Amino acid sequence: MTAPAQFSALAIIDKNPGMKQADLARALAIEPPQLVPLLNKLEQRALAVRTRAKPDKRSYGIYLSKMGEALLKQLKDIAIESDRDATAALNECERSQLLELLKKVYQE
């Protein structure tokens, strides 16, 4: 898995603490077996933690660690600054149009 996939996974987990692995795979648009190496890497780097779900001991909830939360904040700040730099030549209306077009492309 690539760094962008790891960033996406961290951001999704941050918004959905305790989510199941299957749900994270679906959100990343990958097959569940493809998620395992990504989660292993995040755990090895102490960025995320898998814990057994209380009602169903067969499934795991995924949470960000404190280190994962801190890294995600840094990455979000970098992404915001990068977006500002990339769209510096656009006015606010053009930025809004670009964002809407990118959302449309992403959804297709």
PDB file of N, CA and C in Angstrom:
ATOM      1  N   MET A   1       0.835  -1.184   0.000  1.00  0.00           N
ATOM      2  CA  MET A   1       0.000   0.000   0.000  1.00  0.00           C
ATOM      3  C   MET A   1       0.877   1.244   0.000  1.00  0.00           C
ATOM      4  N   THR A   2       0.384   2.246  -0.629  1.00  0.00           N
ATOM      5  CA  THR A   2       1.143   3.477  -0.793  1.00  0.00           C
ATOM      6  C   THR A   2       0.898   4.440   0.367  1.00  0.00           C
ATOM      7  N   ALA A   3       1.736   5.456   0.427  1.00  0.00           N
ATOM      8  CA  ALA A   3       1.568   6.489   1.453  1.00  0.00           C
ATOM      9  C   ALA A   3       0.199   7.169   1.343  1.00  0.00           C
ATOM     10  N   PRO A   4      -0.291   7.484   0.113  1.00  0.00           N
ATOM     11  CA  PRO A   4      -1.638   8.064   0.041  1.00  0.00           C
ATOM     12  C   PRO A   4      -2.711   7.135   0.617  1.00  0.00           C
ATOM     13  N   ALA A   5      -2.561   5.828   0.418  1.00  0.00           N
ATOM     14  CA  ALA A   5      -3.531   4.878   0.982  1.00  0.00           C
ATOM     15  C   ALA A   5      -3.459   4.894   2.501  1.00  0.00           C
ATOM     16  N   GLN A   6      -2.250   5.013   3.039  1.00  0.00           N
ATOM     17  CA  GLN A   6      -2.090   5.068   4.491  1.00  0.00           C
ATOM     18  C   GLN A   6      -2.716   6.347   5.048  1.00  0.00           C
ATOM     19  N   PHE A   7      -2.489   7.468   4.354  1.00  0.00           N
ATOM     20  CA  PHE A   7      -3.090   8.737   4.774  1.00  0.00           C
ATOM     21  C   PHE A   7      -4.609   8.620   4.745  1.00  0.00           C
ATOM     22  N   SER A   8      -5.147   8.062   3.660  1.00  0.00           N
ATOM     23  CA  SER A   8      -6.600   7.890   3.551  1.00  0.00           C
ATOM     24  C   SER A   8      -7.130   7.012   4.672  1.00  0.00           C
ATOM     25  N   ALA A   9      -6.433   5.926   4.949  1.00  0.00           N
ATOM     26  CA  ALA A   9      -6.862   5.023   6.020  1.00  0.00           C
ATOM     27  C   ALA A   9      -6.868   5.747   7.362  1.00  0.00           C
ATOM     28  N   LEU A  10      -5.815   6.494   7.652  1.00  0.00           N
ATOM     29  CA  LEU A  10      -5.756   7.240   8.915  1.00  0.00           C
ATOM     30  C   LEU A  10      -6.913   8.233   9.018  1.00  0.00           C
ATOM     31  N   ALA A  11      -7.189   8.937   7.932  1.00  0.00           N
ATOM     32  CA  ALA A  11      -8.260   9.938   7.939  1.00  0.00           C
ATOM     33  C   ALA A  11      -9.624   9.282   8.143  1.00  0.00           C
ATOM     34  N   ILE A  12      -9.848   8.145   7.508  1.00  0.00           N
ATOM     35  CA  ILE A  12     -11.133   7.443   7.646  1.00  0.00           C
ATOM     36  C   ILE A  12     -11.291   6.888   9.057  1.00  0.00           C
ATOM     37  N   ILE A  13     -10.232   6.290   9.583  1.00  0.00           N
ATOM     38  CA  ILE A  13     -10.282   5.753  10.951  1.00  0.00           C
ATOM     39  C   ILE A  13     -10.532   6.882  11.949  1.00  0.00           C
ATOM     40  N   ASP A  14      -9.912   8.032  11.716  1.00  0.00           N
ATOM     41  CA  ASP A  14     -10.092   9.185  12.604  1.00  0.00           C
ATOM     42  C   ASP A  14     -11.557   9.596  12.669  1.00  0.00           C
ATOM     43  N   LYS A  15     -12.241   9.559  11.537  1.00  0.00           N
ATOM     44  CA  LYS A  15     -13.650   9.953  11.487  1.00  0.00           C
ATOM     45  C   LYS A  15     -14.583   8.842  11.971  1.00  0.00           C
ATOM     46  N   ASN A  16     -14.076   7.599  12.025  1.00  0.00           N
ATOM     47  CA  ASN A  16     -14.901   6.445  12.395  1.00  0.00           C
ATOM     48  C   ASN A  16     -14.176   5.546  13.389  1.00  0.00           C
ATOM     49  N   PRO A  17     -13.831   6.054  14.568  1.00  0.00           N
ATOM     50  CA  PRO A  17     -13.076   5.224  15.512  1.00  0.00           C
ATOM     51  C   PRO A  17     -13.845   3.949  15.865  1.00  0.00           C
ATOM     52  N   GLY A  18     -13.118   2.833  15.877  1.00  0.00           N
ATOM     53  CA  GLY A  18     -13.728   1.554  16.204  1.00  0.00           C
ATOM     54  C   GLY A  18     -14.357   0.849  15.024  1.00  0.00           C
ATOM     55  N   MET A  19     -14.185   1.422  13.832  1.00  0.00           N
ATOM     56  CA  MET A  19     -14.798   0.799  12.655  1.00  0.00           C
ATOM     57  C   MET A  19     -14.206  -0.584  12.405  1.00  0.00           C
ATOM     58  N   LYS A  20     -14.984  -1.428  11.748  1.00  0.00           N
ATOM     59  CA  LYS A  20     -14.533  -2.782  11.432  1.00  0.00           C
ATOM     60  C   LYS A  20     -13.649  -2.759  10.195  1.00  0.00           C
ATOM     61  N   GLN A  21     -12.800  -3.780  10.087  1.00  0.00           N
ATOM     62  CA  GLN A  21     -11.877  -3.879   8.957  1.00  0.00           C
ATOM     63  C   GLN A  21     -12.624  -3.908   7.628  1.00  0.00           C
ATOM     64  N   ALA A  22     -13.721  -4.647   7.556  1.00  0.00           N
ATOM     65  CA  ALA A  22     -14.481  -4.738   6.304  1.00  0.00           C
ATOM     66  C   ALA A  22     -15.005  -3.367   5.888  1.00  0.00           C
ATOM     67  N   ASP A  23     -15.427  -2.571   6.869  1.00  0.00           N
ATOM     68  CA  ASP A  23     -15.932  -1.227   6.564  1.00  0.00           C
ATOM     69  C   ASP A  23     -14.815  -0.313   6.072  1.00  0.00           C
ATOM     70  N   LEU A  24     -13.639  -0.454   6.655  1.00  0.00           N
ATOM     71  CA  LEU A  24     -12.499   0.349   6.201  1.00  0.00           C
ATOM     72  C   LEU A  24     -12.103  -0.058   4.787  1.00  0.00           C
ATOM     73  N   ALA A  25     -12.085  -1.348   4.516  1.00  0.00           N
ATOM     74  CA  ALA A  25     -11.757  -1.818   3.162  1.00  0.00           C
ATOM     75  C   ALA A  25     -12.751  -1.239   2.158  1.00  0.00           C
ATOM     76  N   ARG A  26     -14.033  -1.264   2.508  1.00  0.00           N
ATOM     77  CA  ARG A  26     -15.067  -0.720   1.623  1.00  0.00           C
ATOM     78  C   ARG A  26     -14.844   0.774   1.398  1.00  0.00           C
ATOM     79  N   ALA A  27     -14.532   1.502   2.458  1.00  0.00           N
ATOM     80  CA  ALA A  27     -14.308   2.950   2.342  1.00  0.00           C
ATOM     81  C   ALA A  27     -13.094   3.271   1.476  1.00  0.00           C
ATOM     82  N   LEU A  28     -12.097   2.388   1.498  1.00  0.00           N
ATOM     83  CA  LEU A  28     -10.890   2.581   0.680  1.00  0.00           C
ATOM     84  C   LEU A  28     -11.042   1.994  -0.722  1.00  0.00           C
ATOM     85  N   ALA A  29     -12.183   1.345  -0.968  1.00  0.00           N
ATOM     86  CA  ALA A  29     -12.466   0.703  -2.264  1.00  0.00           C
ATOM     87  C   ALA A  29     -11.434  -0.378  -2.592  1.00  0.00           C
ATOM     88  N   ILE A  30     -11.100  -1.194  -1.573  1.00  0.00           N
ATOM     89  CA  ILE A  30     -10.192  -2.320  -1.775  1.00  0.00           C
ATOM     90  C   ILE A  30     -10.833  -3.568  -1.180  1.00  0.00           C
ATOM     91  N   GLU A  31     -10.311  -4.721  -1.561  1.00  0.00           N
ATOM     92  CA  GLU A  31     -10.789  -5.981  -1.009  1.00  0.00           C
ATOM     93  C   GLU A  31     -10.219  -6.156   0.402  1.00  0.00           C
ATOM     94  N   PRO A  32     -10.985  -6.768   1.315  1.00  0.00           N
ATOM     95  CA  PRO A  32     -10.490  -6.950   2.687  1.00  0.00           C
ATOM     96  C   PRO A  32      -9.100  -7.582   2.790  1.00  0.00           C
ATOM     97  N   PRO A  33      -8.756  -8.606   1.970  1.00  0.00           N
ATOM     98  CA  PRO A  33      -7.393  -9.150   2.088  1.00  0.00           C
ATOM     99  C   PRO A  33      -6.294  -8.129   1.756  1.00  0.00           C
ATOM    100  N   GLN A  34      -6.615  -7.146   0.909  1.00  0.00           N
ATOM    101  CA  GLN A  34      -5.640  -6.103   0.578  1.00  0.00           C
ATOM    102  C   GLN A  34      -5.418  -5.149   1.753  1.00  0.00           C
ATOM    103  N   LEU A  35      -6.371  -5.110   2.660  1.00  0.00           N
ATOM    104  CA  LEU A  35      -6.283  -4.197   3.797  1.00  0.00           C
ATOM    105  C   LEU A  35      -5.301  -4.693   4.857  1.00  0.00           C
ATOM    106  N   VAL A  36      -5.159  -6.000   4.982  1.00  0.00           N
ATOM    107  CA  VAL A  36      -4.336  -6.575   6.049  1.00  0.00           C
ATOM    108  C   VAL A  36      -2.905  -6.033   6.044  1.00  0.00           C
ATOM    109  N   PRO A  37      -2.192  -6.030   4.897  1.00  0.00           N
ATOM    110  CA  PRO A  37      -0.826  -5.476   4.924  1.00  0.00           C
ATOM    111  C   PRO A  37      -0.792  -3.995   5.315  1.00  0.00           C
ATOM    112  N   LEU A  38      -1.789  -3.243   4.889  1.00  0.00           N
ATOM    113  CA  LEU A  38      -1.862  -1.823   5.244  1.00  0.00           C
ATOM    114  C   LEU A  38      -2.027  -1.663   6.754  1.00  0.00           C
ATOM    115  N   LEU A  39      -2.952  -2.402   7.341  1.00  0.00           N
ATOM    116  CA  LEU A  39      -3.150  -2.314   8.788  1.00  0.00           C
ATOM    117  C   LEU A  39      -1.934  -2.815   9.551  1.00  0.00           C
ATOM    118  N   ASN A  40      -1.314  -3.875   9.047  1.00  0.00           N
ATOM    119  CA  ASN A  40      -0.090  -4.369   9.691  1.00  0.00           C
ATOM    120  C   ASN A  40       0.977  -3.280   9.733  1.00  0.00           C
ATOM    121  N   LYS A  41       1.123  -2.574   8.611  1.00  0.00           N
ATOM    122  CA  LYS A  41       2.124  -1.503   8.541  1.00  0.00           C
ATOM    123  C   LYS A  41       1.777  -0.367   9.505  1.00  0.00           C
ATOM    124  N   LEU A  42       0.506   0.013   9.557  1.00  0.00           N
ATOM    125  CA  LEU A  42       0.091   1.079  10.477  1.00  0.00           C
ATOM    126  C   LEU A  42       0.325   0.667  11.928  1.00  0.00           C
ATOM    127  N   GLU A  43       0.069  -0.601  12.237  1.00  0.00           N
ATOM    128  CA  GLU A  43       0.321  -1.084  13.602  1.00  0.00           C
ATOM    129  C   GLU A  43       1.814  -1.151  13.908  1.00  0.00           C
ATOM    130  N   GLN A  44       2.610  -1.610  12.945  1.00  0.00           N
ATOM    131  CA  GLN A  44       4.062  -1.678  13.148  1.00  0.00           C
ATOM    132  C   GLN A  44       4.645  -0.299  13.420  1.00  0.00           C
ATOM    133  N   ARG A  45       4.080   0.713  12.776  1.00  0.00           N
ATOM    134  CA  ARG A  45       4.549   2.086  12.967  1.00  0.00           C
ATOM    135  C   ARG A  45       3.875   2.755  14.166  1.00  0.00           C
ATOM    136  N   ALA A  46       3.065   1.990  14.901  1.00  0.00           N
ATOM    137  CA  ALA A  46       2.349   2.473  16.093  1.00  0.00           C
ATOM    138  C   ALA A  46       1.403   3.629  15.778  1.00  0.00           C
ATOM    139  N   LEU A  47       0.771   3.576  14.595  1.00  0.00           N
ATOM    140  CA  LEU A  47      -0.153   4.627  14.181  1.00  0.00           C
ATOM    141  C   LEU A  47      -1.612   4.233  14.387  1.00  0.00           C
ATOM    142  N   ALA A  48      -1.880   2.935  14.417  1.00  0.00           N
ATOM    143  CA  ALA A  48      -3.242   2.435  14.597  1.00  0.00           C
ATOM    144  C   ALA A  48      -3.201   1.181  15.457  1.00  0.00           C
ATOM    145  N   VAL A  49      -4.364   0.880  16.037  1.00  0.00           N
ATOM    146  CA  VAL A  49      -4.493  -0.283  16.912  1.00  0.00           C
ATOM    147  C   VAL A  49      -5.769  -1.027  16.538  1.00  0.00           C
ATOM    148  N   ARG A  50      -5.664  -2.354  16.444  1.00  0.00           N
ATOM    149  CA  ARG A  50      -6.851  -3.197  16.252  1.00  0.00           C
ATOM    150  C   ARG A  50      -7.195  -3.825  17.597  1.00  0.00           C
ATOM    151  N   THR A  51      -8.443  -3.659  18.006  1.00  0.00           N
ATOM    152  CA  THR A  51      -8.886  -4.283  19.254  1.00  0.00           C
ATOM    153  C   THR A  51     -10.127  -5.122  18.973  1.00  0.00           C
ATOM    154  N   ARG A  52     -10.258  -6.228  19.687  1.00  0.00           N
ATOM    155  CA  ARG A  52     -11.424  -7.099  19.498  1.00  0.00           C
ATOM    156  C   ARG A  52     -12.689  -6.331  19.871  1.00  0.00           C
ATOM    157  N   ALA A  53     -13.689  -6.456  19.015  1.00  0.00           N
ATOM    158  CA  ALA A  53     -14.976  -5.804  19.269  1.00  0.00           C
ATOM    159  C   ALA A  53     -15.681  -6.522  20.416  1.00  0.00           C
ATOM    160  N   LYS A  54     -16.332  -5.777  21.269  1.00  0.00           N
ATOM    161  CA  LYS A  54     -16.981  -6.354  22.448  1.00  0.00           C
ATOM    162  C   LYS A  54     -18.127  -7.314  22.086  1.00  0.00           C
ATOM    163  N   PRO A  55     -19.114  -6.871  21.299  1.00  0.00           N
ATOM    164  CA  PRO A  55     -20.227  -7.795  21.062  1.00  0.00           C
ATOM    165  C   PRO A  55     -19.837  -9.019  20.222  1.00  0.00           C
ATOM    166  N   ASP A  56     -18.950  -8.829  19.269  1.00  0.00           N
ATOM    167  CA  ASP A  56     -18.559  -9.916  18.367  1.00  0.00           C
ATOM    168  C   ASP A  56     -17.051 -10.104  18.468  1.00  0.00           C
ATOM    169  N   LYS A  57     -16.629 -11.063  19.242  1.00  0.00           N
ATOM    170  CA  LYS A  57     -15.196 -11.277  19.495  1.00  0.00           C
ATOM    171  C   LYS A  57     -14.429 -11.682  18.242  1.00  0.00           C
ATOM    172  N   ARG A  58     -15.145 -12.015  17.162  1.00  0.00           N
ATOM    173  CA  ARG A  58     -14.460 -12.411  15.928  1.00  0.00           C
ATOM    174  C   ARG A  58     -13.990 -11.206  15.123  1.00  0.00           C
ATOM    175  N   SER A  59     -14.565 -10.048  15.376  1.00  0.00           N
ATOM    176  CA  SER A  59     -14.196  -8.870  14.586  1.00  0.00           C
ATOM    177  C   SER A  59     -13.348  -7.908  15.419  1.00  0.00           C
ATOM    178  N   TYR A  60     -12.702  -7.010  14.706  1.00  0.00           N
ATOM    179  CA  TYR A  60     -11.813  -6.031  15.338  1.00  0.00           C
ATOM    180  C   TYR A  60     -12.306  -4.618  15.058  1.00  0.00           C
ATOM    181  N   GLY A  61     -12.160  -3.766  16.053  1.00  0.00           N
ATOM    182  CA  GLY A  61     -12.366  -2.344  15.854  1.00  0.00           C
ATOM    183  C   GLY A  61     -11.006  -1.702  15.642  1.00  0.00           C
ATOM    184  N   ILE A  62     -10.949  -0.710  14.777  1.00  0.00           N
ATOM    185  CA  ILE A  62      -9.680  -0.058  14.459  1.00  0.00           C
ATOM    186  C   ILE A  62      -9.709   1.363  15.017  1.00  0.00           C
ATOM    187  N   TYR A  63      -8.637   1.720  15.691  1.00  0.00           N
ATOM    188  CA  TYR A  63      -8.512   3.039  16.309  1.00  0.00           C
ATOM    189  C   TYR A  63      -7.153   3.635  15.971  1.00  0.00           C
ATOM    190  N   LEU A  64      -7.089   4.958  15.940  1.00  0.00           N
ATOM    191  CA  LEU A  64      -5.796   5.621  15.817  1.00  0.00           C
ATOM    192  C   LEU A  64      -5.126   5.635  17.184  1.00  0.00           C
ATOM    193  N   SER A  65      -3.828   5.491  17.183  1.00  0.00           N
ATOM    194  CA  SER A  65      -3.056   5.674  18.410  1.00  0.00           C
ATOM    195  C   SER A  65      -2.813   7.176  18.576  1.00  0.00           C
ATOM    196  N   LYS A  66      -2.266   7.569  19.707  1.00  0.00           N
ATOM    197  CA  LYS A  66      -1.911   8.986  19.909  1.00  0.00           C
ATOM    198  C   LYS A  66      -0.922   9.429  18.834  1.00  0.00           C
ATOM    199  N   MET A  67       0.010   8.540  18.506  1.00  0.00           N
ATOM    200  CA  MET A  67       0.992   8.856  17.473  1.00  0.00           C
ATOM    201  C   MET A  67       0.307   9.005  16.109  1.00  0.00           C
ATOM    202  N   GLY A  68      -0.671   8.159  15.836  1.00  0.00           N
ATOM    203  CA  GLY A  68      -1.423   8.247  14.590  1.00  0.00           C
ATOM    204  C   GLY A  68      -2.205   9.543  14.498  1.00  0.00           C
ATOM    205  N   GLU A  69      -2.813   9.944  15.610  1.00  0.00           N
ATOM    206  CA  GLU A  69      -3.551  11.211  15.642  1.00  0.00           C
ATOM    207  C   GLU A  69      -2.620  12.383  15.369  1.00  0.00           C
ATOM    208  N   ALA A  70      -1.448  12.369  15.994  1.00  0.00           N
ATOM    209  CA  ALA A  70      -0.485  13.463  15.811  1.00  0.00           C
ATOM    210  C   ALA A  70       0.018  13.513  14.372  1.00  0.00           C
ATOM    211  N   LEU A  71       0.334  12.351  13.804  1.00  0.00           N
ATOM    212  CA  LEU A  71       0.812  12.315  12.422  1.00  0.00           C
ATOM    213  C   LEU A  71      -0.271  12.786  11.467  1.00  0.00           C
ATOM    214  N   LEU A  72      -1.508  12.347  11.683  1.00  0.00           N
ATOM    215  CA  LEU A  72      -2.603  12.762  10.809  1.00  0.00           C
ATOM    216  C   LEU A  72      -2.782  14.272  10.845  1.00  0.00           C
ATOM    217  N   LYS A  73      -2.678  14.877  12.018  1.00  0.00           N
ATOM    218  CA  LYS A  73      -2.791  16.339  12.109  1.00  0.00           C
ATOM    219  C   LYS A  73      -1.698  17.013  11.288  1.00  0.00           C
ATOM    220  N   GLN A  74      -0.467  16.519  11.404  1.00  0.00           N
ATOM    221  CA  GLN A  74       0.636  17.085  10.615  1.00  0.00           C
ATOM    222  C   GLN A  74       0.368  16.927   9.120  1.00  0.00           C
ATOM    223  N   LEU A  75      -0.090  15.750   8.718  1.00  0.00           N
ATOM    224  CA  LEU A  75      -0.344  15.493   7.300  1.00  0.00           C
ATOM    225  C   LEU A  75      -1.481  16.362   6.770  1.00  0.00           C
ATOM    226  N   LYS A  76      -2.514  16.558   7.586  1.00  0.00           N
ATOM    227  CA  LYS A  76      -3.620  17.429   7.169  1.00  0.00           C
ATOM    228  C   LYS A  76      -3.129  18.858   6.974  1.00  0.00           C
ATOM    229  N   ASP A  77      -2.284  19.337   7.896  1.00  0.00           N
ATOM    230  CA  ASP A  77      -1.732  20.692   7.772  1.00  0.00           C
ATOM    231  C   ASP A  77      -0.914  20.829   6.490  1.00  0.00           C
ATOM    232  N   ILE A  78      -0.121  19.813   6.184  1.00  0.00           N
ATOM    233  CA  ILE A  78       0.684  19.824   4.955  1.00  0.00           C
ATOM    234  C   ILE A  78      -0.226  19.814   3.731  1.00  0.00           C
ATOM    235  N   ALA A  79      -1.281  19.000   3.768  1.00  0.00           N
ATOM    236  CA  ALA A  79      -2.207  18.918   2.636  1.00  0.00           C
ATOM    237  C   ALA A  79      -2.915  20.251   2.408  1.00  0.00           C
ATOM    238  N   ILE A  80      -3.319  20.902   3.487  1.00  0.00           N
ATOM    239  CA  ILE A  80      -3.990  22.202   3.369  1.00  0.00           C
ATOM    240  C   ILE A  80      -3.048  23.228   2.756  1.00  0.00           C
ATOM    241  N   GLU A  81      -1.817  23.257   3.235  1.00  0.00           N
ATOM    242  CA  GLU A  81      -0.835  24.197   2.687  1.00  0.00           C
ATOM    243  C   GLU A  81      -0.549  23.892   1.216  1.00  0.00           C
ATOM    244  N   SER A  82      -0.441  22.632   0.897  1.00  0.00           N
ATOM    245  CA  SER A  82      -0.196  22.224  -0.490  1.00  0.00           C
ATOM    246  C   SER A  82      -1.362  22.631  -1.392  1.00  0.00           C
ATOM    247  N   ASP A  83      -2.594  22.433  -0.901  1.00  0.00           N
ATOM    248  CA  ASP A  83      -3.772  22.853  -1.668  1.00  0.00           C
ATOM    249  C   ASP A  83      -3.762  24.360  -1.898  1.00  0.00           C
ATOM    250  N   ARG A  84      -3.414  25.110  -0.855  1.00  0.00           N
ATOM    251  CA  ARG A  84      -3.348  26.573  -0.997  1.00  0.00           C
ATOM    252  C   ARG A  84      -2.334  26.971  -2.059  1.00  0.00           C
ATOM    253  N   ASP A  85      -1.162  26.347  -2.011  1.00  0.00           N
ATOM    254  CA  ASP A  85      -0.116  26.648  -2.992  1.00  0.00           C
ATOM    255  C   ASP A  85      -0.574  26.297  -4.405  1.00  0.00           C
ATOM    256  N   ALA A  86      -1.203  25.137  -4.542  1.00  0.00           N
ATOM    257  CA  ALA A  86      -1.618  24.666  -5.866  1.00  0.00           C
ATOM    258  C   ALA A  86      -2.731  25.521  -6.462  1.00  0.00           C
ATOM    259  N   THR A  87      -3.545  26.129  -5.608  1.00  0.00           N
ATOM    260  CA  THR A  87      -4.676  26.915  -6.111  1.00  0.00           C
ATOM    261  C   THR A  87      -4.494  28.417  -5.897  1.00  0.00           C
ATOM    262  N   ALA A  88      -3.283  28.838  -5.642  1.00  0.00           N
ATOM    263  CA  ALA A  88      -3.016  30.254  -5.347  1.00  0.00           C
ATOM    264  C   ALA A  88      -3.445  31.184  -6.481  1.00  0.00           C
ATOM    265  N   ALA A  89      -3.371  30.721  -7.714  1.00  0.00           N
ATOM    266  CA  ALA A  89      -3.719  31.569  -8.856  1.00  0.00           C
ATOM    267  C   ALA A  89      -5.231  31.648  -9.083  1.00  0.00           C
ATOM    268  N   LEU A  90      -6.009  30.877  -8.336  1.00  0.00           N
ATOM    269  CA  LEU A  90      -7.463  30.858  -8.523  1.00  0.00           C
ATOM    270  C   LEU A  90      -8.146  31.775  -7.516  1.00  0.00           C
ATOM    271  N   ASN A  91      -9.254  32.376  -7.946  1.00  0.00           N
ATOM    272  CA  ASN A  91     -10.051  33.137  -6.986  1.00  0.00           C
ATOM    273  C   ASN A  91     -10.982  32.164  -6.253  1.00  0.00           C
ATOM    274  N   GLU A  92     -11.723  32.669  -5.277  1.00  0.00           N
ATOM    275  CA  GLU A  92     -12.561  31.802  -4.442  1.00  0.00           C
ATOM    276  C   GLU A  92     -13.605  31.044  -5.261  1.00  0.00           C
ATOM    277  N   CYS A  93     -14.211  31.703  -6.218  1.00  0.00           N
ATOM    278  CA  CYS A  93     -15.213  31.055  -7.071  1.00  0.00           C
ATOM    279  C   CYS A  93     -14.578  29.913  -7.871  1.00  0.00           C
ATOM    280  N   GLU A  94     -13.413  30.161  -8.423  1.00  0.00           N
ATOM    281  CA  GLU A  94     -12.712  29.129  -9.202  1.00  0.00           C
ATOM    282  C   GLU A  94     -12.298  27.952  -8.314  1.00  0.00           C
ATOM    283  N   ARG A  95     -11.880  28.249  -7.090  1.00  0.00           N
ATOM    284  CA  ARG A  95     -11.523  27.171  -6.146  1.00  0.00           C
ATOM    285  C   ARG A  95     -12.737  26.296  -5.855  1.00  0.00           C
ATOM    286  N   SER A  96     -13.882  26.931  -5.649  1.00  0.00           N
ATOM    287  CA  SER A  96     -15.120  26.185  -5.380  1.00  0.00           C
ATOM    288  C   SER A  96     -15.499  25.316  -6.569  1.00  0.00           C
ATOM    289  N   GLN A  97     -15.383  25.873  -7.769  1.00  0.00           N
ATOM    290  CA  GLN A  97     -15.685  25.100  -8.977  1.00  0.00           C
ATOM    291  C   GLN A  97     -14.743  23.909  -9.108  1.00  0.00           C
ATOM    292  N   LEU A  98     -13.464  24.142  -8.871  1.00  0.00           N
ATOM    293  CA  LEU A  98     -12.483  23.064  -8.952  1.00  0.00           C
ATOM    294  C   LEU A  98     -12.815  21.961  -7.955  1.00  0.00           C
ATOM    295  N   LEU A  99     -13.143  22.343  -6.740  1.00  0.00           N
ATOM    296  CA  LEU A  99     -13.478  21.362  -5.714  1.00  0.00           C
ATOM    297  C   LEU A  99     -14.697  20.535  -6.127  1.00  0.00           C
ATOM    298  N   GLU A 100     -15.712  21.191  -6.649  1.00  0.00           N
ATOM    299  CA  GLU A 100     -16.911  20.470  -7.095  1.00  0.00           C
ATOM    300  C   GLU A 100     -16.588  19.518  -8.245  1.00  0.00           C
ATOM    301  N   LEU A 101     -15.762  19.955  -9.178  1.00  0.00           N
ATOM    302  CA  LEU A 101     -15.378  19.088 -10.297  1.00  0.00           C
ATOM    303  C   LEU A 101     -14.556  17.894  -9.823  1.00  0.00           C
ATOM    304  N   LEU A 102     -13.649  18.122  -8.892  1.00  0.00           N
ATOM    305  CA  LEU A 102     -12.843  17.019  -8.357  1.00  0.00           C
ATOM    306  C   LEU A 102     -13.711  16.021  -7.598  1.00  0.00           C
ATOM    307  N   LYS A 103     -14.702  16.517  -6.861  1.00  0.00           N
ATOM    308  CA  LYS A 103     -15.629  15.616  -6.169  1.00  0.00           C
ATOM    309  C   LYS A 103     -16.382  14.755  -7.180  1.00  0.00           C
ATOM    310  N   LYS A 104     -16.800  15.379  -8.269  1.00  0.00           N
ATOM    311  CA  LYS A 104     -17.534  14.653  -9.309  1.00  0.00           C
ATOM    312  C   LYS A 104     -16.656  13.565  -9.927  1.00  0.00           C
ATOM    313  N   VAL A 105     -15.412  13.898 -10.223  1.00  0.00           N
ATOM    314  CA  VAL A 105     -14.476  12.920 -10.789  1.00  0.00           C
ATOM    315  C   VAL A 105     -14.269  11.779  -9.802  1.00  0.00           C
ATOM    316  N   TYR A 106     -14.105  12.107  -8.532  1.00  0.00           N
ATOM    317  CA  TYR A 106     -13.866  11.092  -7.500  1.00  0.00           C
ATOM    318  C   TYR A 106     -15.053  10.136  -7.386  1.00  0.00           C
ATOM    319  N   GLN A 107     -16.264  10.679  -7.476  1.00  0.00           N
ATOM    320  CA  GLN A 107     -17.469   9.861  -7.331  1.00  0.00           C
ATOM    321  C   GLN A 107     -17.718   8.968  -8.538  1.00  0.00           C
ATOM    322  N   GLU A 108     -17.179   9.340  -9.679  1.00  0.00           N
ATOM    323  CA  GLU A 108     -17.353   8.520 -10.885  1.00  0.00           C
ATOM    324  C   GLU A 108     -16.382   7.427 -10.811  1.00  0.00           C
TER     325      GLU A 108
END
